[in-house]
Amino acid sequence: MKISLYTFLRNGARLRYQFEESIRSALPLADEYIIALGPCDDDTRERLLAIGDPKIRIIDTTWNEAMRVGGFVYGQQKMLAQANCSGDWAFYLEADEVLHEKDLPAIRAAMEKHLGDQRVEALVFDYYHFYGSPEWLAVSSHWYRRAPRIIRNTIRSVAYDGLFFNVLETKHRTRWPRAALANAHIYHYGHVRPPQAMADKRRTISPYWEKAQKPFKGYRKDPAALARFTGTHPDVMHGWFERNPSPPFVPEDLATYRPTMRDRRYRLMMSVEKMFSVDLSKKHFKLVR
């Protein structure tokens, strides 16, 4: 079994992506690690080279700056990297997603288990979405709780916005992949950057989504949609936390917080989930039973 890891990246250092930690966390699984690297005005390339692992292969890419619709340029970059994967499985990790060392055996075991089962086209991870600080999680159904990150490398798949896989059934019809569980978590740290870095990141990426996003004014979330994280972080993340300290994040008081209509909708959904033991978050896969 051959495993290809891959990602795409641009100005990862300036935008405070945890890309070094992400790559290091997954390298023990990789037979090759493909990185589609766009034009950078920081030291991202030097940091990638400093990792010093021969399994890493950097592919220099050009970004279509005129493509400003629906994140499609992200999909282009993701597919450029995926097209260079030669493994049985292609394992995509975003630059702010990290694996825990304790989960690596389970991830490898899942790939080995399902390698010969052609019904299984992808493997799905559970998610920890950290918000505001490494001590808090976003837990409402607004956040996808599971997502496929490993795709069988012998099927036709595309990723229109760079995030989720679509399997091509015909030239004109796509569907979500049929998937099994990876029995592991992905630790998503995209919303724990220092506030200034988060503001810079939002300004940088929003044009590619054809959105005029509001300026970032700090981490603020319905406290009913947050929960304290009680587990342990991947070992590779501790240095990043020390180098990127943020002001202490404390959720607002639930009794005095004034929820928006959107907050109320997700609170209602969480109540339904609790009452009927269901998951109402979006799913971009179909589990194989």
Protein backbone atom coordinates (compact mmCIF):
# COMPACT_ATOMS: atom_id res chain seq x y z
CA MET A 1 0.00 0.00 0.00
CA LYS A 2 1.34 3.40 -1.00
CA ILE A 3 0.05 6.58 0.68
CA SER A 4 0.27 10.04 -0.86
CA LEU A 5 -0.20 13.09 1.36
CA TYR A 6 -0.88 16.37 -0.35
CA THR A 7 -1.86 20.00 0.17
CA PHE A 8 -1.64 23.41 -1.44
CA LEU A 9 -0.18 26.53 0.12
CA ARG A 10 0.57 30.19 -0.44
CA ASN A 11 2.07 32.66 2.06
CA GLY A 12 1.59 30.15 4.83
CA ALA A 13 4.08 31.87 7.12
CA ARG A 14 2.64 35.37 6.80
CA LEU A 15 -0.92 34.15 7.31
CA ARG A 16 0.12 32.03 10.32
CA TYR A 17 -1.02 28.69 8.96
CA GLN A 18 0.16 25.72 10.99
CA PHE A 19 1.57 24.20 7.81
CA GLU A 20 4.86 22.98 9.27
CA GLU A 21 3.03 21.28 12.13
CA SER A 22 0.46 19.82 9.74
CA ILE A 23 3.11 18.33 7.48
CA ARG A 24 5.25 16.99 10.33
CA SER A 25 2.21 15.38 11.96
CA ALA A 26 1.37 13.37 8.83
CA LEU A 27 4.85 12.54 7.50
CA PRO A 28 5.03 9.20 9.37
CA LEU A 29 2.12 7.99 7.20
CA ALA A 30 3.44 9.33 3.91
CA ASP A 31 5.33 7.60 1.15
CA GLU A 32 5.29 10.97 -0.60
CA TYR A 33 4.08 14.44 0.37
CA ILE A 34 3.03 16.65 -2.53
CA ILE A 35 2.80 20.42 -1.94
CA ALA A 36 1.41 22.74 -4.61
CA LEU A 37 3.11 26.01 -3.70
CA GLY A 38 1.80 29.27 -5.12
CA PRO A 39 3.75 32.54 -5.36
CA CYS A 40 4.84 33.68 -1.89
CA ASP A 41 6.16 36.94 -0.51
CA ASP A 42 7.32 35.37 2.75
CA ASP A 43 9.62 32.53 3.79
CA THR A 44 7.14 29.69 3.32
CA ARG A 45 9.37 27.91 0.79
CA GLU A 46 12.40 28.13 3.07
CA ARG A 47 10.41 26.68 5.95
CA LEU A 48 9.22 23.79 3.80
CA LEU A 49 12.77 23.02 2.71
CA ALA A 50 13.96 23.23 6.32
CA ILE A 51 11.72 20.29 7.24
CA GLY A 52 14.33 18.32 5.35
CA ASP A 53 12.34 15.21 4.50
CA PRO A 54 13.01 13.67 1.06
CA LYS A 55 9.39 12.54 0.83
CA ILE A 56 8.33 16.18 0.38
CA ARG A 57 7.97 17.32 -3.23
CA ILE A 58 7.19 20.97 -3.97
CA ILE A 59 5.36 21.82 -7.18
CA ASP A 60 5.46 25.49 -8.12
CA THR A 61 2.09 26.74 -9.32
CA THR A 62 0.48 29.86 -10.70
CA TRP A 63 -2.74 31.27 -9.25
CA ASN A 64 -5.37 32.59 -11.62
CA GLU A 65 -5.92 36.00 -10.01
CA ALA A 66 -8.90 36.62 -12.26
CA MET A 67 -10.73 33.61 -10.78
CA ARG A 68 -12.69 35.23 -7.97
CA VAL A 69 -15.78 33.01 -7.82
CA GLY A 70 -16.70 30.49 -5.14
CA GLY A 71 -13.19 29.54 -4.07
CA PHE A 72 -12.63 27.77 -7.39
CA VAL A 73 -8.97 28.76 -7.49
CA TYR A 74 -8.56 26.74 -4.28
CA GLY A 75 -10.09 23.77 -6.06
CA GLN A 76 -7.66 24.23 -8.94
CA GLN A 77 -4.67 24.23 -6.60
CA LYS A 78 -5.91 21.21 -4.68
CA MET A 79 -6.39 19.23 -7.88
CA LEU A 80 -2.95 20.20 -9.19
CA ALA A 81 -1.47 18.61 -6.07
CA GLN A 82 -3.77 15.58 -6.21
CA ALA A 83 -2.92 14.99 -9.86
CA ASN A 84 0.70 14.42 -8.81
CA CYS A 85 -0.16 11.79 -6.21
CA SER A 86 0.88 8.26 -7.16
CA GLY A 87 -0.34 6.35 -4.10
CA ASP A 88 -3.25 3.97 -3.65
CA TRP A 89 -4.77 6.57 -1.33
CA ALA A 90 -4.52 10.36 -1.69
CA PHE A 91 -4.69 11.99 1.74
CA TYR A 92 -5.48 15.71 1.69
CA LEU A 93 -4.67 17.88 4.70
CA GLU A 94 -5.35 21.60 4.79
CA ALA A 95 -2.50 23.76 6.05
CA ASP A 96 -4.29 24.39 9.38
CA GLU A 97 -5.24 20.75 10.00
CA VAL A 98 -3.07 18.56 12.21
CA LEU A 99 -3.04 14.86 13.11
CA HIS A 100 -2.52 13.59 16.64
CA GLU A 101 0.31 11.12 16.96
CA LYS A 102 -1.92 8.74 18.92
CA ASP A 103 -4.25 8.42 15.89
CA LEU A 104 -1.65 7.45 13.29
CA PRO A 105 -1.94 3.66 13.82
CA ALA A 106 -5.73 3.79 13.47
CA ILE A 107 -5.51 5.86 10.27
CA ARG A 108 -3.06 3.46 8.68
CA ALA A 109 -5.16 0.48 9.80
CA ALA A 110 -8.28 1.99 8.21
CA MET A 111 -6.49 2.44 4.88
CA GLU A 112 -5.18 -1.11 4.98
CA LYS A 113 -8.59 -2.52 5.96
CA HIS A 114 -10.47 -0.86 3.11
CA LEU A 115 -7.82 -0.99 0.39
CA GLY A 116 -9.37 -4.05 -1.24
CA ASP A 117 -13.01 -2.99 -0.76
CA GLN A 118 -13.89 -1.03 -3.87
CA ARG A 119 -17.17 0.12 -2.32
CA VAL A 120 -15.13 2.42 -0.06
CA GLU A 121 -14.01 5.44 -2.04
CA ALA A 122 -12.98 7.68 0.85
CA LEU A 123 -12.24 7.76 4.56
CA VAL A 124 -13.97 10.19 6.90
CA PHE A 125 -12.48 11.93 9.93
CA ASP A 126 -14.15 13.36 12.99
CA TYR A 127 -13.27 16.99 13.63
CA TYR A 128 -12.16 19.21 16.46
CA HIS A 129 -12.73 22.81 15.36
CA PHE A 130 -10.85 25.00 17.81
CA TYR A 131 -12.19 28.50 18.22
CA GLY A 132 -10.65 31.56 19.85
CA SER A 133 -8.02 29.52 21.69
CA PRO A 134 -6.82 25.91 21.94
CA GLU A 135 -9.08 25.52 24.98
CA TRP A 136 -12.40 25.95 23.17
CA LEU A 137 -14.27 24.06 20.46
CA ALA A 138 -17.00 25.18 18.08
CA VAL A 139 -19.62 22.45 18.39
CA SER A 140 -22.85 23.61 16.73
CA SER A 141 -24.17 22.00 13.56
CA HIS A 142 -22.94 25.05 11.63
CA TRP A 143 -19.53 23.35 11.65
CA TYR A 144 -19.10 20.07 9.76
CA ARG A 145 -18.37 17.41 12.35
CA ARG A 146 -17.10 14.83 9.90
CA ALA A 147 -15.42 15.19 6.53
CA PRO A 148 -13.60 12.95 4.03
CA ARG A 149 -9.91 13.66 3.73
CA ILE A 150 -8.61 10.45 2.14
CA ILE A 151 -9.78 9.53 -1.36
CA ARG A 152 -9.10 6.41 -3.40
CA ASN A 153 -6.64 7.49 -6.08
CA THR A 154 -8.18 5.38 -8.86
CA ILE A 155 -11.56 7.12 -9.08
CA ARG A 156 -12.49 10.32 -10.86
CA SER A 157 -12.89 13.03 -8.25
CA VAL A 158 -12.87 16.82 -8.23
CA ALA A 159 -12.94 19.48 -5.52
CA TYR A 160 -14.74 22.55 -6.78
CA ASP A 161 -13.95 24.81 -3.81
CA GLY A 162 -10.87 23.01 -2.55
CA LEU A 163 -12.57 21.52 0.49
CA PHE A 164 -14.81 18.54 -0.30
CA PHE A 165 -14.53 15.75 -2.85
CA ASN A 166 -17.06 15.16 -5.62
CA VAL A 167 -17.01 11.83 -7.46
CA LEU A 168 -17.81 11.95 -11.18
CA GLU A 169 -20.37 9.32 -12.13
CA THR A 170 -20.74 10.66 -15.67
CA LYS A 171 -19.47 13.70 -17.53
CA HIS A 172 -22.41 15.68 -16.20
CA ARG A 173 -23.26 14.15 -12.82
CA THR A 174 -21.33 14.10 -9.55
CA ARG A 175 -22.06 12.80 -6.08
CA TRP A 176 -20.47 12.67 -2.64
CA PRO A 177 -18.03 9.77 -2.17
CA ARG A 178 -19.02 6.50 -0.49
CA ALA A 179 -16.94 6.42 2.65
CA ALA A 180 -15.92 4.53 5.77
CA LEU A 181 -14.72 5.96 9.05
CA ALA A 182 -11.02 6.61 9.61
CA ASN A 183 -11.59 6.22 13.38
CA ALA A 184 -9.50 9.31 14.05
CA HIS A 185 -9.78 13.07 14.50
CA ILE A 186 -8.45 16.01 12.58
CA TYR A 187 -7.45 18.93 14.78
CA HIS A 188 -8.47 22.11 12.96
CA TYR A 189 -6.65 25.25 14.19
CA GLY A 190 -7.79 27.76 11.59
CA HIS A 191 -9.57 29.93 14.14
CA VAL A 192 -6.90 30.19 16.83
CA ARG A 193 -4.56 32.59 15.03
CA PRO A 194 -3.66 35.81 16.85
CA PRO A 195 -6.38 38.37 15.99
CA GLN A 196 -4.16 40.47 13.72
CA ALA A 197 -3.14 37.39 11.74
CA MET A 198 -6.78 36.34 11.48
CA ALA A 199 -7.69 39.77 10.11
CA ASP A 200 -4.87 39.54 7.54
CA LYS A 201 -5.95 36.05 6.51
CA ARG A 202 -9.57 37.12 6.05
CA ARG A 203 -8.57 40.11 3.90
CA THR A 204 -6.35 37.89 1.78
CA ILE A 205 -8.73 35.04 1.03
CA SER A 206 -12.10 36.78 0.82
CA PRO A 207 -11.66 38.05 -2.79
CA TYR A 208 -11.29 34.47 -4.04
CA TRP A 209 -14.77 33.74 -2.68
CA GLU A 210 -16.34 36.81 -4.26
CA LYS A 211 -17.35 38.02 -0.84
CA ALA A 212 -16.98 41.41 0.82
CA GLN A 213 -16.42 40.07 4.31
CA LYS A 214 -16.70 42.29 7.32
CA PRO A 215 -13.37 43.23 8.91
CA PHE A 216 -12.32 40.84 11.64
CA LYS A 217 -12.85 42.52 15.01
CA GLY A 218 -12.06 39.65 17.31
CA TYR A 219 -13.32 36.20 18.12
CA ARG A 220 -16.99 36.33 19.01
CA LYS A 221 -19.31 33.34 18.99
CA ASP A 222 -22.57 32.33 20.62
CA PRO A 223 -21.40 30.79 23.92
CA ALA A 224 -24.08 28.11 23.51
CA ALA A 225 -22.15 26.92 20.44
CA LEU A 226 -18.86 26.47 22.31
CA ALA A 227 -17.53 23.74 24.57
CA ARG A 228 -14.29 23.44 26.51
CA PHE A 229 -11.74 21.03 25.03
CA THR A 230 -10.74 18.38 27.55
CA GLY A 231 -8.34 16.30 25.48
CA THR A 232 -4.67 16.69 24.56
CA HIS A 233 -3.20 18.50 21.57
CA PRO A 234 -0.77 16.92 19.10
CA ASP A 235 2.81 17.20 20.32
CA VAL A 236 3.84 19.20 17.23
CA MET A 237 1.47 22.03 18.18
CA HIS A 238 2.97 23.05 21.50
CA GLY A 239 5.77 25.07 19.92
CA TRP A 240 3.30 26.88 17.65
CA PHE A 241 1.19 27.89 20.65
CA GLU A 242 4.26 29.39 22.31
CA ARG A 243 5.32 31.30 19.20
CA ASN A 244 1.83 32.60 18.45
CA PRO A 245 0.31 33.74 21.74
CA SER A 246 -3.15 35.30 21.61
CA PRO A 247 -5.01 37.41 24.15
CA PRO A 248 -6.90 35.11 26.53
CA PHE A 249 -10.20 34.03 24.99
CA VAL A 250 -13.19 33.70 27.29
CA PRO A 251 -16.67 33.06 25.83
CA GLU A 252 -19.28 35.67 26.59
CA ASP A 253 -21.68 35.09 29.44
CA LEU A 254 -24.57 32.91 28.28
CA ALA A 255 -27.06 34.77 30.48
CA THR A 256 -26.31 38.19 28.98
CA TYR A 257 -25.36 37.27 25.40
CA ARG A 258 -27.93 38.46 22.85
CA PRO A 259 -28.22 35.75 20.18
CA THR A 260 -28.80 36.65 16.55
CA MET A 261 -31.47 34.98 14.45
CA ARG A 262 -28.76 32.72 13.10
CA ASP A 263 -27.67 31.83 16.62
CA ARG A 264 -31.26 30.99 17.53
CA ARG A 265 -31.58 28.71 14.51
CA TYR A 266 -28.50 26.73 15.48
CA ARG A 267 -29.55 26.61 19.11
CA LEU A 268 -32.83 25.06 17.98
CA MET A 269 -30.95 22.55 15.85
CA MET A 270 -28.72 21.62 18.79
CA SER A 271 -31.81 21.08 20.94
CA VAL A 272 -33.28 18.77 18.32
CA GLU A 273 -29.98 16.91 18.08
CA LYS A 274 -29.88 16.37 21.82
CA MET A 275 -33.54 15.36 22.02
CA PHE A 276 -33.46 12.82 19.20
CA SER A 277 -29.76 11.81 19.23
CA VAL A 278 -29.21 12.94 15.66
CA ASP A 279 -26.50 14.91 13.86
CA LEU A 280 -27.84 17.78 11.75
CA SER A 281 -24.49 19.06 10.53
CA LYS A 282 -23.74 19.00 6.81
CA LYS A 283 -22.30 15.77 5.42
CA HIS A 284 -20.28 15.59 2.22
CA PHE A 285 -20.13 11.80 2.01
CA LYS A 286 -22.30 8.70 2.26
CA LEU A 287 -21.24 6.09 4.80
CA VAL A 288 -20.83 2.54 3.53
CA ARG A 289 -22.60 0.16 5.90
